[in-house]
Amino acid sequence: MSEKSEKIIIMHGFEKPEILQLMRVVKENFQGEELIFASTTPTSLTWKVQDLIEELKSEHEEFKKIKAAKLQNNHSNNQNESEK
């Protein structure tokens, strides 16, 4: 593992409100950490753990890129609005 690896939390058997509560509590206690949250699916339950972790990391990187692009787009839109 790398020196600063992501922490991955895989949840199974939780209802959506419980998942949201767990995520909130973990984020509060691990501020500044790179966290990946996932809940199991029928498909993911059949995967090797190593394969699942690699897939979660890959998805996480894609989500980060999408979020960064949205933030950049919002920043550009706000800048354009203030120039009017």
PDB file of N, CA and C in Angstrom:
ATOM      1  N   MET A   1       0.835  -1.192   0.000  1.00  0.00           N
ATOM      2  CA  MET A   1       0.000   0.000   0.000  1.00  0.00           C
ATOM      3  C   MET A   1       0.871   1.244   0.000  1.00  0.00           C
ATOM      4  N   SER A   2       0.323   2.316  -0.546  1.00  0.00           N
ATOM      5  CA  SER A   2       1.058   3.570  -0.563  1.00  0.00           C
ATOM      6  C   SER A   2       1.034   4.204   0.824  1.00  0.00           C
ATOM      7  N   GLU A   3       1.909   5.196   1.015  1.00  0.00           N
ATOM      8  CA  GLU A   3       1.996   5.854   2.320  1.00  0.00           C
ATOM      9  C   GLU A   3       0.670   6.476   2.722  1.00  0.00           C
ATOM     10  N   LYS A   4       0.029   7.168   1.793  1.00  0.00           N
ATOM     11  CA  LYS A   4      -1.236   7.846   2.084  1.00  0.00           C
ATOM     12  C   LYS A   4      -2.313   7.211   1.223  1.00  0.00           C
ATOM     13  N   SER A   5      -2.863   6.097   1.680  1.00  0.00           N
ATOM     14  CA  SER A   5      -3.889   5.430   0.894  1.00  0.00           C
ATOM     15  C   SER A   5      -5.267   5.857   1.382  1.00  0.00           C
ATOM     16  N   GLU A   6      -6.226   5.677   0.501  1.00  0.00           N
ATOM     17  CA  GLU A   6      -7.593   6.001   0.855  1.00  0.00           C
ATOM     18  C   GLU A   6      -8.101   5.003   1.891  1.00  0.00           C
ATOM     19  N   LYS A   7      -8.964   5.491   2.738  1.00  0.00           N
ATOM     20  CA  LYS A   7      -9.647   4.608   3.679  1.00  0.00           C
ATOM     21  C   LYS A   7     -10.980   4.242   3.025  1.00  0.00           C
ATOM     22  N   ILE A   8     -11.276   2.941   3.003  1.00  0.00           N
ATOM     23  CA  ILE A   8     -12.477   2.463   2.329  1.00  0.00           C
ATOM     24  C   ILE A   8     -13.395   1.811   3.350  1.00  0.00           C
ATOM     25  N   ILE A   9     -14.636   2.273   3.364  1.00  0.00           N
ATOM     26  CA  ILE A   9     -15.648   1.725   4.262  1.00  0.00           C
ATOM     27  C   ILE A   9     -16.703   1.051   3.391  1.00  0.00           C
ATOM     28  N   ILE A  10     -16.842  -0.259   3.541  1.00  0.00           N
ATOM     29  CA  ILE A  10     -17.845  -1.012   2.793  1.00  0.00           C
ATOM     30  C   ILE A  10     -18.930  -1.429   3.777  1.00  0.00           C
ATOM     31  N   MET A  11     -20.158  -1.015   3.486  1.00  0.00           N
ATOM     32  CA  MET A  11     -21.282  -1.282   4.389  1.00  0.00           C
ATOM     33  C   MET A  11     -22.200  -2.334   3.769  1.00  0.00           C
ATOM     34  N   HIS A  12     -22.725  -3.180   4.629  1.00  0.00           N
ATOM     35  CA  HIS A  12     -23.614  -4.243   4.168  1.00  0.00           C
ATOM     36  C   HIS A  12     -24.773  -4.374   5.148  1.00  0.00           C
ATOM     37  N   GLY A  13     -25.982  -4.412   4.613  1.00  0.00           N
ATOM     38  CA  GLY A  13     -27.156  -4.663   5.437  1.00  0.00           C
ATOM     39  C   GLY A  13     -27.754  -3.428   6.088  1.00  0.00           C
ATOM     40  N   PHE A  14     -27.263  -2.250   5.753  1.00  0.00           N
ATOM     41  CA  PHE A  14     -27.776  -1.016   6.349  1.00  0.00           C
ATOM     42  C   PHE A  14     -28.850  -0.403   5.466  1.00  0.00           C
ATOM     43  N   GLU A  15     -29.815   0.237   6.107  1.00  0.00           N
ATOM     44  CA  GLU A  15     -30.823   1.011   5.387  1.00  0.00           C
ATOM     45  C   GLU A  15     -30.222   2.366   5.027  1.00  0.00           C
ATOM     46  N   LYS A  16     -30.797   3.041   4.026  1.00  0.00           N
ATOM     47  CA  LYS A  16     -30.247   4.311   3.550  1.00  0.00           C
ATOM     48  C   LYS A  16     -30.057   5.338   4.666  1.00  0.00           C
ATOM     49  N   PRO A  17     -31.043   5.543   5.565  1.00  0.00           N
ATOM     50  CA  PRO A  17     -30.818   6.522   6.644  1.00  0.00           C
ATOM     51  C   PRO A  17     -29.641   6.141   7.546  1.00  0.00           C
ATOM     52  N   GLU A  18     -29.451   4.853   7.772  1.00  0.00           N
ATOM     53  CA  GLU A  18     -28.322   4.395   8.586  1.00  0.00           C
ATOM     54  C   GLU A  18     -26.994   4.657   7.873  1.00  0.00           C
ATOM     55  N   ILE A  19     -26.982   4.425   6.570  1.00  0.00           N
ATOM     56  CA  ILE A  19     -25.769   4.683   5.783  1.00  0.00           C
ATOM     57  C   ILE A  19     -25.400   6.155   5.864  1.00  0.00           C
ATOM     58  N   LEU A  20     -26.384   7.024   5.683  1.00  0.00           N
ATOM     59  CA  LEU A  20     -26.122   8.464   5.742  1.00  0.00           C
ATOM     60  C   LEU A  20     -25.617   8.879   7.116  1.00  0.00           C
ATOM     61  N   GLN A  21     -26.192   8.309   8.163  1.00  0.00           N
ATOM     62  CA  GLN A  21     -25.750   8.612   9.527  1.00  0.00           C
ATOM     63  C   GLN A  21     -24.310   8.135   9.744  1.00  0.00           C
ATOM     64  N   LEU A  22     -24.014   6.924   9.316  1.00  0.00           N
ATOM     65  CA  LEU A  22     -22.645   6.398   9.443  1.00  0.00           C
ATOM     66  C   LEU A  22     -21.641   7.268   8.690  1.00  0.00           C
ATOM     67  N   MET A  23     -22.009   7.665   7.486  1.00  0.00           N
ATOM     68  CA  MET A  23     -21.115   8.507   6.693  1.00  0.00           C
ATOM     69  C   MET A  23     -20.846   9.831   7.400  1.00  0.00           C
ATOM     70  N   ARG A  24     -21.890  10.423   7.944  1.00  0.00           N
ATOM     71  CA  ARG A  24     -21.753  11.699   8.653  1.00  0.00           C
ATOM     72  C   ARG A  24     -20.802  11.558   9.843  1.00  0.00           C
ATOM     73  N   VAL A  25     -21.002  10.514  10.645  1.00  0.00           N
ATOM     74  CA  VAL A  25     -20.179  10.298  11.842  1.00  0.00           C
ATOM     75  C   VAL A  25     -18.720  10.034  11.458  1.00  0.00           C
ATOM     76  N   VAL A  26     -18.510   9.196  10.459  1.00  0.00           N
ATOM     77  CA  VAL A  26     -17.139   8.878  10.046  1.00  0.00           C
ATOM     78  C   VAL A  26     -16.448  10.129   9.501  1.00  0.00           C
ATOM     79  N   LYS A  27     -17.142  10.894   8.655  1.00  0.00           N
ATOM     80  CA  LYS A  27     -16.546  12.116   8.097  1.00  0.00           C
ATOM     81  C   LYS A  27     -16.167  13.102   9.196  1.00  0.00           C
ATOM     82  N   GLU A  28     -17.017  13.220  10.230  1.00  0.00           N
ATOM     83  CA  GLU A  28     -16.720  14.125  11.344  1.00  0.00           C
ATOM     84  C   GLU A  28     -15.453  13.702  12.074  1.00  0.00           C
ATOM     85  N   ASN A  29     -15.237  12.407  12.183  1.00  0.00           N
ATOM     86  CA  ASN A  29     -14.110  11.885  12.953  1.00  0.00           C
ATOM     87  C   ASN A  29     -12.840  11.660  12.134  1.00  0.00           C
ATOM     88  N   PHE A  30     -12.932  11.781  10.836  1.00  0.00           N
ATOM     89  CA  PHE A  30     -11.770  11.589   9.966  1.00  0.00           C
ATOM     90  C   PHE A  30     -11.642  12.757   8.990  1.00  0.00           C
ATOM     91  N   GLN A  31     -11.799  13.970   9.513  1.00  0.00           N
ATOM     92  CA  GLN A  31     -11.705  15.160   8.668  1.00  0.00           C
ATOM     93  C   GLN A  31     -10.328  15.246   8.028  1.00  0.00           C
ATOM     94  N   GLY A  32     -10.321  15.610   6.764  1.00  0.00           N
ATOM     95  CA  GLY A  32      -9.066  15.730   6.039  1.00  0.00           C
ATOM     96  C   GLY A  32      -8.555  14.422   5.460  1.00  0.00           C
ATOM     97  N   GLU A  33      -9.221  13.330   5.769  1.00  0.00           N
ATOM     98  CA  GLU A  33      -8.819  12.016   5.240  1.00  0.00           C
ATOM     99  C   GLU A  33      -9.525  11.758   3.911  1.00  0.00           C
ATOM    100  N   GLU A  34      -8.875  11.009   3.064  1.00  0.00           N
ATOM    101  CA  GLU A  34      -9.472  10.573   1.804  1.00  0.00           C
ATOM    102  C   GLU A  34     -10.314   9.337   2.118  1.00  0.00           C
ATOM    103  N   LEU A  35     -11.638   9.496   2.087  1.00  0.00           N
ATOM    104  CA  LEU A  35     -12.556   8.414   2.455  1.00  0.00           C
ATOM    105  C   LEU A  35     -13.349   7.957   1.240  1.00  0.00           C
ATOM    106  N   ILE A  36     -13.525   6.659   1.139  1.00  0.00           N
ATOM    107  CA  ILE A  36     -14.373   6.078   0.104  1.00  0.00           C
ATOM    108  C   ILE A  36     -15.436   5.250   0.816  1.00  0.00           C
ATOM    109  N   PHE A  37     -16.695   5.551   0.519  1.00  0.00           N
ATOM    110  CA  PHE A  37     -17.812   4.810   1.096  1.00  0.00           C
ATOM    111  C   PHE A  37     -18.472   3.979   0.003  1.00  0.00           C
ATOM    112  N   ALA A  38     -18.883   2.778   0.359  1.00  0.00           N
ATOM    113  CA  ALA A  38     -19.604   1.927  -0.584  1.00  0.00           C
ATOM    114  C   ALA A  38     -20.536   1.020   0.197  1.00  0.00           C
ATOM    115  N   SER A  39     -21.628   0.677  -0.451  1.00  0.00           N
ATOM    116  CA  SER A  39     -22.492  -0.353   0.127  1.00  0.00           C
ATOM    117  C   SER A  39     -22.498  -1.520  -0.854  1.00  0.00           C
ATOM    118  N   THR A  40     -22.678  -2.684  -0.318  1.00  0.00           N
ATOM    119  CA  THR A  40     -22.618  -3.878  -1.151  1.00  0.00           C
ATOM    120  C   THR A  40     -23.810  -3.949  -2.098  1.00  0.00           C
ATOM    121  N   THR A  41     -23.573  -4.631  -3.192  1.00  0.00           N
ATOM    122  CA  THR A  41     -24.621  -4.944  -4.164  1.00  0.00           C
ATOM    123  C   THR A  41     -24.552  -6.450  -4.404  1.00  0.00           C
ATOM    124  N   PRO A  42     -25.587  -7.020  -5.001  1.00  0.00           N
ATOM    125  CA  PRO A  42     -25.496  -8.454  -5.315  1.00  0.00           C
ATOM    126  C   PRO A  42     -24.249  -8.780  -6.143  1.00  0.00           C
ATOM    127  N   THR A  43     -23.882  -7.902  -7.058  1.00  0.00           N
ATOM    128  CA  THR A  43     -22.692  -8.130  -7.877  1.00  0.00           C
ATOM    129  C   THR A  43     -21.418  -8.010  -7.057  1.00  0.00           C
ATOM    130  N   SER A  44     -21.310  -6.944  -6.256  1.00  0.00           N
ATOM    131  CA  SER A  44     -20.064  -6.729  -5.505  1.00  0.00           C
ATOM    132  C   SER A  44     -19.809  -7.839  -4.488  1.00  0.00           C
ATOM    133  N   LEU A  45     -20.867  -8.483  -4.026  1.00  0.00           N
ATOM    134  CA  LEU A  45     -20.694  -9.574  -3.063  1.00  0.00           C
ATOM    135  C   LEU A  45     -19.993 -10.788  -3.673  1.00  0.00           C
ATOM    136  N   THR A  46     -19.969 -10.866  -4.993  1.00  0.00           N
ATOM    137  CA  THR A  46     -19.322 -12.004  -5.652  1.00  0.00           C
ATOM    138  C   THR A  46     -17.865 -11.716  -6.018  1.00  0.00           C
ATOM    139  N   TRP A  47     -17.421 -10.481  -5.834  1.00  0.00           N
ATOM    140  CA  TRP A  47     -16.066 -10.081  -6.236  1.00  0.00           C
ATOM    141  C   TRP A  47     -15.036 -10.443  -5.181  1.00  0.00           C
ATOM    142  N   LYS A  48     -13.797 -10.624  -5.635  1.00  0.00           N
ATOM    143  CA  LYS A  48     -12.680 -10.726  -4.704  1.00  0.00           C
ATOM    144  C   LYS A  48     -12.508  -9.351  -4.077  1.00  0.00           C
ATOM    145  N   VAL A  49     -12.123  -9.321  -2.819  1.00  0.00           N
ATOM    146  CA  VAL A  49     -11.972  -8.042  -2.112  1.00  0.00           C
ATOM    147  C   VAL A  49     -10.983  -7.131  -2.839  1.00  0.00           C
ATOM    148  N   GLN A  50      -9.870  -7.670  -3.281  1.00  0.00           N
ATOM    149  CA  GLN A  50      -8.868  -6.860  -3.981  1.00  0.00           C
ATOM    150  C   GLN A  50      -9.458  -6.215  -5.233  1.00  0.00           C
ATOM    151  N   ASP A  51     -10.236  -6.973  -5.996  1.00  0.00           N
ATOM    152  CA  ASP A  51     -10.861  -6.436  -7.209  1.00  0.00           C
ATOM    153  C   ASP A  51     -11.874  -5.353  -6.859  1.00  0.00           C
ATOM    154  N   LEU A  52     -12.639  -5.578  -5.810  1.00  0.00           N
ATOM    155  CA  LEU A  52     -13.630  -4.597  -5.376  1.00  0.00           C
ATOM    156  C   LEU A  52     -12.950  -3.300  -4.950  1.00  0.00           C
ATOM    157  N   ILE A  53     -11.876  -3.405  -4.190  1.00  0.00           N
ATOM    158  CA  ILE A  53     -11.151  -2.217  -3.735  1.00  0.00           C
ATOM    159  C   ILE A  53     -10.612  -1.437  -4.930  1.00  0.00           C
ATOM    160  N   GLU A  54     -10.046  -2.120  -5.897  1.00  0.00           N
ATOM    161  CA  GLU A  54      -9.528  -1.436  -7.090  1.00  0.00           C
ATOM    162  C   GLU A  54     -10.651  -0.730  -7.842  1.00  0.00           C
ATOM    163  N   GLU A  55     -11.799  -1.376  -7.961  1.00  0.00           N
ATOM    164  CA  GLU A  55     -12.948  -0.766  -8.638  1.00  0.00           C
ATOM    165  C   GLU A  55     -13.445   0.458  -7.868  1.00  0.00           C
ATOM    166  N   LEU A  56     -13.520   0.351  -6.555  1.00  0.00           N
ATOM    167  CA  LEU A  56     -13.970   1.484  -5.740  1.00  0.00           C
ATOM    168  C   LEU A  56     -13.011   2.665  -5.864  1.00  0.00           C
ATOM    169  N   LYS A  57     -11.716   2.393  -5.876  1.00  0.00           N
ATOM    170  CA  LYS A  57     -10.730   3.465  -6.053  1.00  0.00           C
ATOM    171  C   LYS A  57     -10.901   4.139  -7.411  1.00  0.00           C
ATOM    172  N   SER A  58     -11.102   3.334  -8.435  1.00  0.00           N
ATOM    173  CA  SER A  58     -11.279   3.861  -9.785  1.00  0.00           C
ATOM    174  C   SER A  58     -12.533   4.734  -9.868  1.00  0.00           C
ATOM    175  N   GLU A  59     -13.637   4.237  -9.320  1.00  0.00           N
ATOM    176  CA  GLU A  59     -14.881   5.013  -9.306  1.00  0.00           C
ATOM    177  C   GLU A  59     -14.701   6.304  -8.523  1.00  0.00           C
ATOM    178  N   HIS A  60     -13.998   6.227  -7.406  1.00  0.00           N
ATOM    179  CA  HIS A  60     -13.767   7.401  -6.567  1.00  0.00           C
ATOM    180  C   HIS A  60     -13.006   8.477  -7.347  1.00  0.00           C
ATOM    181  N   GLU A  61     -11.991   8.068  -8.094  1.00  0.00           N
ATOM    182  CA  GLU A  61     -11.221   9.020  -8.907  1.00  0.00           C
ATOM    183  C   GLU A  61     -12.113   9.675  -9.959  1.00  0.00           C
ATOM    184  N   GLU A  62     -12.994   8.896 -10.576  1.00  0.00           N
ATOM    185  CA  GLU A  62     -13.918   9.455 -11.569  1.00  0.00           C
ATOM    186  C   GLU A  62     -14.872  10.456 -10.924  1.00  0.00           C
ATOM    187  N   PHE A  63     -15.408  10.120  -9.746  1.00  0.00           N
ATOM    188  CA  PHE A  63     -16.303  11.042  -9.040  1.00  0.00           C
ATOM    189  C   PHE A  63     -15.580  12.338  -8.684  1.00  0.00           C
ATOM    190  N   LYS A  64     -14.309  12.231  -8.279  1.00  0.00           N
ATOM    191  CA  LYS A  64     -13.532  13.425  -7.944  1.00  0.00           C
ATOM    192  C   LYS A  64     -13.353  14.314  -9.173  1.00  0.00           C
ATOM    193  N   LYS A  65     -13.105  13.707 -10.332  1.00  0.00           N
ATOM    194  CA  LYS A  65     -12.955  14.477 -11.567  1.00  0.00           C
ATOM    195  C   LYS A  65     -14.260  15.182 -11.929  1.00  0.00           C
ATOM    196  N   ILE A  66     -15.372  14.474 -11.795  1.00  0.00           N
ATOM    197  CA  ILE A  66     -16.678  15.058 -12.100  1.00  0.00           C
ATOM    198  C   ILE A  66     -16.967  16.219 -11.155  1.00  0.00           C
ATOM    199  N   LYS A  67     -16.696  16.022  -9.871  1.00  0.00           N
ATOM    200  CA  LYS A  67     -16.932  17.068  -8.878  1.00  0.00           C
ATOM    201  C   LYS A  67     -16.064  18.289  -9.163  1.00  0.00           C
ATOM    202  N   ALA A  68     -14.801  18.068  -9.498  1.00  0.00           N
ATOM    203  CA  ALA A  68     -13.893  19.179  -9.802  1.00  0.00           C
ATOM    204  C   ALA A  68     -14.375  19.945 -11.029  1.00  0.00           C
ATOM    205  N   ALA A  69     -14.846  19.230 -12.041  1.00  0.00           N
ATOM    206  CA  ALA A  69     -15.350  19.881 -13.252  1.00  0.00           C
ATOM    207  C   ALA A  69     -16.591  20.710 -12.937  1.00  0.00           C
ATOM    208  N   LYS A  70     -17.485  20.177 -12.105  1.00  0.00           N
ATOM    209  CA  LYS A  70     -18.685  20.921 -11.719  1.00  0.00           C
ATOM    210  C   LYS A  70     -18.318  22.172 -10.936  1.00  0.00           C
ATOM    211  N   LEU A  71     -17.367  22.047 -10.004  1.00  0.00           N
ATOM    212  CA  LEU A  71     -16.931  23.207  -9.229  1.00  0.00           C
ATOM    213  C   LEU A  71     -16.321  24.261 -10.138  1.00  0.00           C
ATOM    214  N   GLN A  72     -15.514  23.830 -11.090  1.00  0.00           N
ATOM    215  CA  GLN A  72     -14.900  24.762 -12.039  1.00  0.00           C
ATOM    216  C   GLN A  72     -15.973  25.453 -12.866  1.00  0.00           C
ATOM    217  N   ASN A  73     -16.957  24.691 -13.312  1.00  0.00           N
ATOM    218  CA  ASN A  73     -18.048  25.238 -14.109  1.00  0.00           C
ATOM    219  C   ASN A  73     -18.854  26.247 -13.292  1.00  0.00           C
ATOM    220  N   ASN A  74     -19.163  25.906 -12.041  1.00  0.00           N
ATOM    221  CA  ASN A  74     -19.901  26.824 -11.170  1.00  0.00           C
ATOM    222  C   ASN A  74     -19.102  28.089 -10.919  1.00  0.00           C
ATOM    223  N   HIS A  75     -17.799  27.950 -10.714  1.00  0.00           N
ATOM    224  CA  HIS A  75     -16.932  29.105 -10.486  1.00  0.00           C
ATOM    225  C   HIS A  75     -16.944  30.018 -11.712  1.00  0.00           C
ATOM    226  N   SER A  76     -16.850  29.425 -12.899  1.00  0.00           N
ATOM    227  CA  SER A  76     -16.870  30.202 -14.139  1.00  0.00           C
ATOM    228  C   SER A  76     -18.199  30.912 -14.313  1.00  0.00           C
ATOM    229  N   ASN A  77     -19.299  30.214 -14.014  1.00  0.00           N
ATOM    230  CA  ASN A  77     -20.626  30.819 -14.127  1.00  0.00           C
ATOM    231  C   ASN A  77     -20.786  31.973 -13.152  1.00  0.00           C
ATOM    232  N   ASN A  78     -20.311  31.797 -11.920  1.00  0.00           N
ATOM    233  CA  ASN A  78     -20.402  32.862 -10.921  1.00  0.00           C
ATOM    234  C   ASN A  78     -19.570  34.064 -11.335  1.00  0.00           C
ATOM    235  N   GLN A  79     -18.420  33.823 -11.909  1.00  0.00           N
ATOM    236  CA  GLN A  79     -17.551  34.905 -12.363  1.00  0.00           C
ATOM    237  C   GLN A  79     -18.225  35.666 -13.503  1.00  0.00           C
ATOM    238  N   ASN A  80     -18.833  34.941 -14.424  1.00  0.00           N
ATOM    239  CA  ASN A  80     -19.530  35.575 -15.543  1.00  0.00           C
ATOM    240  C   ASN A  80     -20.704  36.410 -15.056  1.00  0.00           C
ATOM    241  N   GLU A  81     -21.437  35.917 -14.068  1.00  0.00           N
ATOM    242  CA  GLU A  81     -22.573  36.652 -13.512  1.00  0.00           C
ATOM    243  C   GLU A  81     -22.118  37.945 -12.848  1.00  0.00           C
ATOM    244  N   SER A  82     -20.999  37.907 -12.145  1.00  0.00           N
ATOM    245  CA  SER A  82     -20.527  39.099 -11.436  1.00  0.00           C
ATOM    246  C   SER A  82     -19.989  40.147 -12.403  1.00  0.00           C
ATOM    247  N   GLU A  83     -19.628  39.727 -13.610  1.00  0.00           N
ATOM    248  CA  GLU A  83     -19.121  40.669 -14.608  1.00  0.00           C
ATOM    249  C   GLU A  83     -20.238  41.399 -15.330  1.00  0.00           C
ATOM    250  N   LYS A  84     -21.468  40.937 -15.202  1.00  0.00           N
ATOM    251  CA  LYS A  84     -22.610  41.563 -15.901  1.00  0.00           C
ATOM    252  C   LYS A  84     -23.024  42.850 -15.248  1.00  0.00           C
TER     253      LYS A  84
END
